[in-house]
């Protein structure tokens, strides 16, 4: 059983979440150009280059979707801090270990519940 987070720990984690949010916002904004529609002009781009461009576009889209999912998780974690529910496991209600939250501050499950979900 983990101890409840102190106000100092929560503030440290809030700062970490905000920093990650800013970094992801920047990444999403800068990656936007990589997700634009690929022009299939056979005069300027060969078949292999077009396939490569389409593959890069798909990778950029996947990265953008992953970043957006992380941004949603960060937003939920910040809302949980504001509501006073941050750091509690959604499954068992126990406190999530501070070291786990330092590694992944938007964790919504304690390590035991996360492991149980992954094995079932």
N, C-alpha and C. Protein backbone atom coordinates (compact mmCIF):
# COMPACT_ATOMS: atom_id res chain seq x y z
N UNK A 1 0.84 -1.18 0.00
CA UNK A 1 0.00 0.00 0.00
C UNK A 1 0.89 1.25 0.00
N UNK A 2 0.62 2.15 -0.91
CA UNK A 2 1.40 3.37 -1.01
C UNK A 2 0.78 4.48 -0.17
N UNK A 3 1.62 5.38 0.27
CA UNK A 3 1.16 6.51 1.06
C UNK A 3 0.54 7.56 0.15
N UNK A 4 -0.39 8.31 0.70
CA UNK A 4 -1.02 9.40 -0.04
C UNK A 4 0.03 10.46 -0.38
N UNK A 5 -0.13 11.09 -1.50
CA UNK A 5 0.83 12.09 -1.96
C UNK A 5 0.76 13.35 -1.11
N UNK A 6 1.92 13.95 -0.87
CA UNK A 6 1.96 15.22 -0.15
C UNK A 6 1.67 16.36 -1.12
N UNK A 7 1.41 17.52 -0.59
CA UNK A 7 1.15 18.70 -1.43
C UNK A 7 2.37 19.03 -2.29
N UNK A 8 3.56 18.85 -1.74
CA UNK A 8 4.80 19.10 -2.49
C UNK A 8 4.94 18.12 -3.65
N UNK A 9 4.66 16.86 -3.38
CA UNK A 9 4.73 15.86 -4.44
C UNK A 9 3.72 16.14 -5.55
N UNK A 10 2.52 16.50 -5.17
CA UNK A 10 1.49 16.82 -6.16
C UNK A 10 1.92 18.01 -7.00
N UNK A 11 2.51 19.02 -6.38
CA UNK A 11 2.96 20.19 -7.14
C UNK A 11 4.09 19.81 -8.09
N UNK A 12 5.01 18.96 -7.65
CA UNK A 12 6.08 18.49 -8.53
C UNK A 12 5.49 17.76 -9.74
N UNK A 13 4.51 16.92 -9.49
CA UNK A 13 3.89 16.16 -10.57
C UNK A 13 3.07 17.06 -11.49
N UNK A 14 2.43 18.09 -10.93
CA UNK A 14 1.70 19.05 -11.75
C UNK A 14 2.67 19.75 -12.71
N UNK A 15 3.82 20.17 -12.19
CA UNK A 15 4.81 20.84 -13.04
C UNK A 15 5.31 19.89 -14.13
N UNK A 16 5.50 18.64 -13.79
CA UNK A 16 5.93 17.63 -14.76
C UNK A 16 4.86 17.44 -15.84
N UNK A 17 3.62 17.37 -15.44
CA UNK A 17 2.51 17.22 -16.39
C UNK A 17 2.41 18.42 -17.33
N UNK A 18 2.53 19.62 -16.78
CA UNK A 18 2.45 20.84 -17.60
C UNK A 18 3.61 20.89 -18.59
N UNK A 19 4.80 20.51 -18.13
CA UNK A 19 5.97 20.49 -19.02
C UNK A 19 5.76 19.49 -20.16
N UNK A 20 5.25 18.31 -19.83
CA UNK A 20 4.97 17.31 -20.86
C UNK A 20 3.88 17.80 -21.82
N UNK A 21 2.89 18.49 -21.29
CA UNK A 21 1.82 19.02 -22.11
C UNK A 21 2.35 20.05 -23.11
N UNK A 22 3.20 20.93 -22.65
CA UNK A 22 3.79 21.93 -23.54
C UNK A 22 4.65 21.28 -24.61
N UNK A 23 5.43 20.28 -24.22
CA UNK A 23 6.28 19.57 -25.17
C UNK A 23 5.45 18.86 -26.24
N UNK A 24 4.39 18.19 -25.81
CA UNK A 24 3.53 17.48 -26.76
C UNK A 24 2.78 18.45 -27.67
N UNK A 25 2.31 19.57 -27.11
CA UNK A 25 1.65 20.59 -27.95
C UNK A 25 2.59 21.06 -29.05
N UNK A 26 3.83 21.31 -28.68
CA UNK A 26 4.83 21.76 -29.65
C UNK A 26 5.07 20.68 -30.70
N UNK A 27 5.18 19.44 -30.27
CA UNK A 27 5.40 18.32 -31.18
C UNK A 27 4.24 18.16 -32.15
N UNK A 28 3.02 18.23 -31.65
CA UNK A 28 1.84 18.09 -32.51
C UNK A 28 1.78 19.22 -33.52
N UNK A 29 2.07 20.44 -33.07
CA UNK A 29 2.02 21.59 -33.98
C UNK A 29 3.10 21.51 -35.05
N UNK A 30 4.29 21.06 -34.68
CA UNK A 30 5.37 20.98 -35.66
C UNK A 30 5.22 19.79 -36.60
N UNK A 31 4.55 18.74 -36.14
CA UNK A 31 4.37 17.54 -36.97
C UNK A 31 3.19 17.66 -37.92
N UNK A 32 2.42 18.72 -37.80
CA UNK A 32 1.23 18.88 -38.63
C UNK A 32 1.56 18.84 -40.12
N UNK A 33 2.68 19.40 -40.53
CA UNK A 33 3.03 19.43 -41.96
C UNK A 33 3.29 18.04 -42.50
N UNK A 34 3.72 17.11 -41.66
CA UNK A 34 3.99 15.74 -42.11
C UNK A 34 2.74 14.93 -42.34
N UNK A 35 1.59 15.43 -41.89
CA UNK A 35 0.35 14.68 -42.05
C UNK A 35 -0.50 15.18 -43.21
N UNK A 36 0.00 16.18 -43.92
CA UNK A 36 -0.76 16.72 -45.05
C UNK A 36 -0.82 15.70 -46.17
N UNK A 37 -1.82 15.84 -47.04
CA UNK A 37 -2.02 14.91 -48.14
C UNK A 37 -0.81 14.88 -49.05
N UNK A 38 -0.42 13.67 -49.42
CA UNK A 38 0.72 13.47 -50.32
C UNK A 38 0.23 13.66 -51.75
N UNK A 39 0.92 14.51 -52.48
CA UNK A 39 0.60 14.74 -53.88
C UNK A 39 1.25 13.66 -54.73
N UNK A 40 0.46 13.01 -55.56
CA UNK A 40 0.97 11.92 -56.37
C UNK A 40 1.25 12.40 -57.79
N UNK A 41 2.24 13.24 -57.94
CA UNK A 41 2.65 13.78 -59.23
C UNK A 41 3.76 12.91 -59.78
N UNK A 42 3.47 12.11 -60.80
CA UNK A 42 4.45 11.17 -61.32
C UNK A 42 5.61 11.85 -62.03
N UNK A 43 5.46 13.08 -62.42
CA UNK A 43 6.54 13.80 -63.08
C UNK A 43 7.65 14.15 -62.10
N UNK A 44 7.28 14.50 -60.88
CA UNK A 44 8.29 14.97 -59.94
C UNK A 44 8.71 13.92 -58.93
N UNK A 45 7.90 12.87 -58.75
CA UNK A 45 8.20 11.88 -57.73
C UNK A 45 8.03 10.49 -58.34
N UNK A 46 9.03 9.64 -58.18
CA UNK A 46 8.95 8.27 -58.67
C UNK A 46 8.08 7.42 -57.77
N UNK A 47 7.81 6.19 -58.22
CA UNK A 47 6.93 5.29 -57.48
C UNK A 47 7.46 5.00 -56.08
N UNK A 48 8.75 4.71 -55.95
CA UNK A 48 9.34 4.40 -54.65
C UNK A 48 9.26 5.62 -53.73
N UNK A 49 9.51 6.79 -54.28
CA UNK A 49 9.46 8.01 -53.48
C UNK A 49 8.03 8.28 -53.00
N UNK A 50 7.04 8.01 -53.84
CA UNK A 50 5.64 8.20 -53.44
C UNK A 50 5.28 7.25 -52.31
N UNK A 51 5.70 6.00 -52.42
CA UNK A 51 5.42 5.01 -51.37
C UNK A 51 6.09 5.44 -50.07
N UNK A 52 7.32 5.91 -50.17
CA UNK A 52 8.04 6.39 -49.00
C UNK A 52 7.32 7.58 -48.38
N UNK A 53 6.84 8.49 -49.21
CA UNK A 53 6.13 9.67 -48.72
C UNK A 53 4.83 9.26 -48.03
N UNK A 54 4.12 8.29 -48.60
CA UNK A 54 2.88 7.82 -47.98
C UNK A 54 3.15 7.13 -46.64
N UNK A 55 4.24 6.36 -46.60
CA UNK A 55 4.61 5.69 -45.35
C UNK A 55 4.98 6.72 -44.28
N UNK A 56 5.73 7.74 -44.66
CA UNK A 56 6.09 8.79 -43.71
C UNK A 56 4.85 9.53 -43.22
N UNK A 57 3.89 9.74 -44.12
CA UNK A 57 2.64 10.40 -43.74
C UNK A 57 1.89 9.55 -42.70
N UNK A 58 1.81 8.24 -42.94
CA UNK A 58 1.13 7.34 -42.01
C UNK A 58 1.83 7.31 -40.64
N UNK A 59 3.14 7.32 -40.66
CA UNK A 59 3.89 7.35 -39.39
C UNK A 59 3.65 8.67 -38.66
N UNK A 60 3.61 9.77 -39.39
CA UNK A 60 3.35 11.07 -38.77
C UNK A 60 1.94 11.11 -38.18
N UNK A 61 0.97 10.54 -38.89
CA UNK A 61 -0.40 10.49 -38.37
C UNK A 61 -0.47 9.65 -37.10
N UNK A 62 0.20 8.51 -37.09
CA UNK A 62 0.21 7.64 -35.91
C UNK A 62 0.86 8.35 -34.72
N UNK A 63 1.96 9.03 -34.97
CA UNK A 63 2.63 9.78 -33.91
C UNK A 63 1.74 10.89 -33.38
N UNK A 64 1.03 11.56 -34.28
CA UNK A 64 0.14 12.64 -33.87
C UNK A 64 -1.02 12.09 -33.04
N UNK A 65 -1.57 10.95 -33.44
CA UNK A 65 -2.65 10.34 -32.67
C UNK A 65 -2.18 9.92 -31.28
N UNK A 66 -0.98 9.37 -31.21
CA UNK A 66 -0.42 8.97 -29.92
C UNK A 66 -0.20 10.20 -29.03
N UNK A 67 0.32 11.25 -29.60
CA UNK A 67 0.56 12.48 -28.84
C UNK A 67 -0.77 13.07 -28.36
N UNK A 68 -1.80 13.05 -29.21
CA UNK A 68 -3.11 13.56 -28.81
C UNK A 68 -3.71 12.73 -27.69
N UNK A 69 -3.52 11.41 -27.73
CA UNK A 69 -4.01 10.54 -26.65
C UNK A 69 -3.29 10.87 -25.34
N UNK A 70 -1.98 11.09 -25.43
CA UNK A 70 -1.22 11.47 -24.23
C UNK A 70 -1.68 12.83 -23.70
N UNK A 71 -1.96 13.75 -24.61
CA UNK A 71 -2.45 15.07 -24.18
C UNK A 71 -3.79 14.94 -23.44
N UNK A 72 -4.66 14.06 -23.93
CA UNK A 72 -5.93 13.83 -23.23
C UNK A 72 -5.69 13.26 -21.84
N UNK A 73 -4.75 12.30 -21.74
CA UNK A 73 -4.43 11.70 -20.44
C UNK A 73 -3.85 12.74 -19.49
N UNK A 74 -3.00 13.60 -20.01
CA UNK A 74 -2.42 14.67 -19.18
C UNK A 74 -3.51 15.63 -18.72
N UNK A 75 -4.42 15.97 -19.62
CA UNK A 75 -5.55 16.84 -19.25
C UNK A 75 -6.40 16.22 -18.15
N UNK A 76 -6.63 14.91 -18.25
CA UNK A 76 -7.40 14.21 -17.21
C UNK A 76 -6.65 14.21 -15.88
N UNK A 77 -5.34 14.03 -15.93
CA UNK A 77 -4.54 14.04 -14.70
C UNK A 77 -4.56 15.42 -14.05
N UNK A 78 -4.44 16.48 -14.87
CA UNK A 78 -4.50 17.84 -14.31
C UNK A 78 -5.88 18.12 -13.72
N UNK A 79 -6.93 17.63 -14.36
CA UNK A 79 -8.28 17.81 -13.82
C UNK A 79 -8.43 17.04 -12.50
N UNK A 80 -7.81 15.86 -12.42
CA UNK A 80 -7.86 15.08 -11.17
C UNK A 80 -7.12 15.81 -10.05
N UNK A 81 -6.02 16.47 -10.38
CA UNK A 81 -5.31 17.27 -9.37
C UNK A 81 -6.23 18.36 -8.86
N UNK A 82 -6.90 19.05 -9.77
CA UNK A 82 -7.79 20.15 -9.38
C UNK A 82 -8.97 19.66 -8.54
N UNK A 83 -9.44 18.45 -8.81
CA UNK A 83 -10.58 17.92 -8.06
C UNK A 83 -10.19 17.20 -6.78
N UNK A 84 -8.86 16.99 -6.59
CA UNK A 84 -8.40 16.32 -5.38
C UNK A 84 -8.39 14.81 -5.47
N UNK A 85 -8.58 14.25 -6.66
CA UNK A 85 -8.60 12.80 -6.83
C UNK A 85 -7.34 12.26 -7.46
N UNK A 86 -6.36 13.08 -7.66
CA UNK A 86 -5.13 12.65 -8.34
C UNK A 86 -4.34 11.69 -7.48
N UNK A 87 -3.77 10.68 -8.13
CA UNK A 87 -2.89 9.75 -7.45
C UNK A 87 -3.61 8.56 -6.85
N UNK A 88 -4.91 8.44 -7.12
CA UNK A 88 -5.67 7.30 -6.63
C UNK A 88 -5.99 6.37 -7.79
N UNK A 89 -5.79 5.08 -7.58
CA UNK A 89 -6.04 4.08 -8.61
C UNK A 89 -7.53 4.04 -8.94
N UNK A 90 -7.85 4.04 -10.23
CA UNK A 90 -9.25 4.00 -10.66
C UNK A 90 -9.90 2.65 -10.37
N UNK A 91 -9.10 1.59 -10.26
CA UNK A 91 -9.68 0.26 -10.03
C UNK A 91 -9.86 -0.05 -8.55
N UNK A 92 -8.81 0.11 -7.76
CA UNK A 92 -8.87 -0.31 -6.36
C UNK A 92 -9.02 0.85 -5.37
N UNK A 93 -8.78 2.07 -5.83
CA UNK A 93 -8.92 3.24 -4.96
C UNK A 93 -7.71 3.52 -4.08
N UNK A 94 -6.70 2.66 -4.14
CA UNK A 94 -5.49 2.87 -3.34
C UNK A 94 -4.63 3.95 -3.98
N UNK A 95 -3.72 4.51 -3.19
CA UNK A 95 -2.79 5.52 -3.69
C UNK A 95 -1.80 4.88 -4.67
N UNK A 96 -1.52 5.59 -5.76
CA UNK A 96 -0.51 5.16 -6.72
C UNK A 96 0.84 5.63 -6.20
N UNK A 97 1.84 4.77 -6.28
CA UNK A 97 3.17 5.09 -5.75
C UNK A 97 3.74 6.34 -6.43
N UNK A 98 4.37 7.18 -5.64
CA UNK A 98 4.96 8.42 -6.16
C UNK A 98 5.98 8.13 -7.25
N UNK A 99 6.80 7.09 -7.07
CA UNK A 99 7.81 6.78 -8.08
C UNK A 99 7.16 6.39 -9.41
N UNK A 100 6.01 5.73 -9.36
CA UNK A 100 5.29 5.39 -10.60
C UNK A 100 4.79 6.67 -11.26
N UNK A 101 4.26 7.58 -10.47
CA UNK A 101 3.76 8.84 -11.02
C UNK A 101 4.89 9.72 -11.54
N UNK A 102 6.06 9.63 -10.94
CA UNK A 102 7.20 10.37 -11.47
C UNK A 102 7.57 9.86 -12.86
N UNK A 103 7.50 8.55 -13.04
CA UNK A 103 7.83 7.96 -14.34
C UNK A 103 6.74 8.20 -15.36
N UNK A 104 5.49 8.13 -14.93
CA UNK A 104 4.35 8.34 -15.82
C UNK A 104 3.27 9.08 -15.04
N UNK A 105 3.36 10.42 -15.02
CA UNK A 105 2.49 11.20 -14.14
C UNK A 105 1.01 11.15 -14.50
N UNK A 106 0.67 10.62 -15.67
CA UNK A 106 -0.74 10.52 -16.03
C UNK A 106 -1.28 9.11 -15.81
N UNK A 107 -0.55 8.29 -15.02
CA UNK A 107 -1.01 6.94 -14.69
C UNK A 107 -2.33 7.03 -13.93
N UNK A 108 -3.25 6.15 -14.31
CA UNK A 108 -4.55 6.13 -13.64
C UNK A 108 -4.74 4.87 -12.80
N UNK A 109 -3.74 3.97 -12.88
CA UNK A 109 -3.83 2.72 -12.15
C UNK A 109 -2.55 2.48 -11.36
N UNK A 110 -2.69 1.83 -10.22
CA UNK A 110 -1.50 1.42 -9.47
C UNK A 110 -0.83 0.29 -10.24
N UNK A 111 0.37 -0.05 -9.87
CA UNK A 111 1.14 -1.06 -10.61
C UNK A 111 0.46 -2.42 -10.56
N UNK A 112 -0.14 -2.78 -9.43
CA UNK A 112 -0.81 -4.09 -9.31
C UNK A 112 -2.01 -4.17 -10.25
N UNK A 113 -2.84 -3.15 -10.28
CA UNK A 113 -4.03 -3.15 -11.13
C UNK A 113 -3.63 -3.07 -12.62
N UNK A 114 -2.59 -2.31 -12.93
CA UNK A 114 -2.11 -2.24 -14.30
C UNK A 114 -1.60 -3.60 -14.76
N UNK A 115 -0.85 -4.28 -13.89
CA UNK A 115 -0.34 -5.61 -14.22
C UNK A 115 -1.50 -6.60 -14.40
N UNK A 116 -2.51 -6.51 -13.55
CA UNK A 116 -3.66 -7.40 -13.67
C UNK A 116 -4.39 -7.18 -14.99
N UNK A 117 -4.52 -5.94 -15.42
CA UNK A 117 -5.18 -5.65 -16.70
C UNK A 117 -4.38 -6.19 -17.87
N UNK A 118 -3.07 -6.10 -17.77
CA UNK A 118 -2.21 -6.53 -18.88
C UNK A 118 -2.16 -8.04 -19.00
N UNK A 119 -2.35 -8.76 -17.91
CA UNK A 119 -2.29 -10.22 -17.95
C UNK A 119 -3.65 -10.85 -18.24
N UNK A 120 -4.72 -10.09 -18.12
CA UNK A 120 -6.04 -10.68 -18.39
C UNK A 120 -6.49 -10.49 -19.80
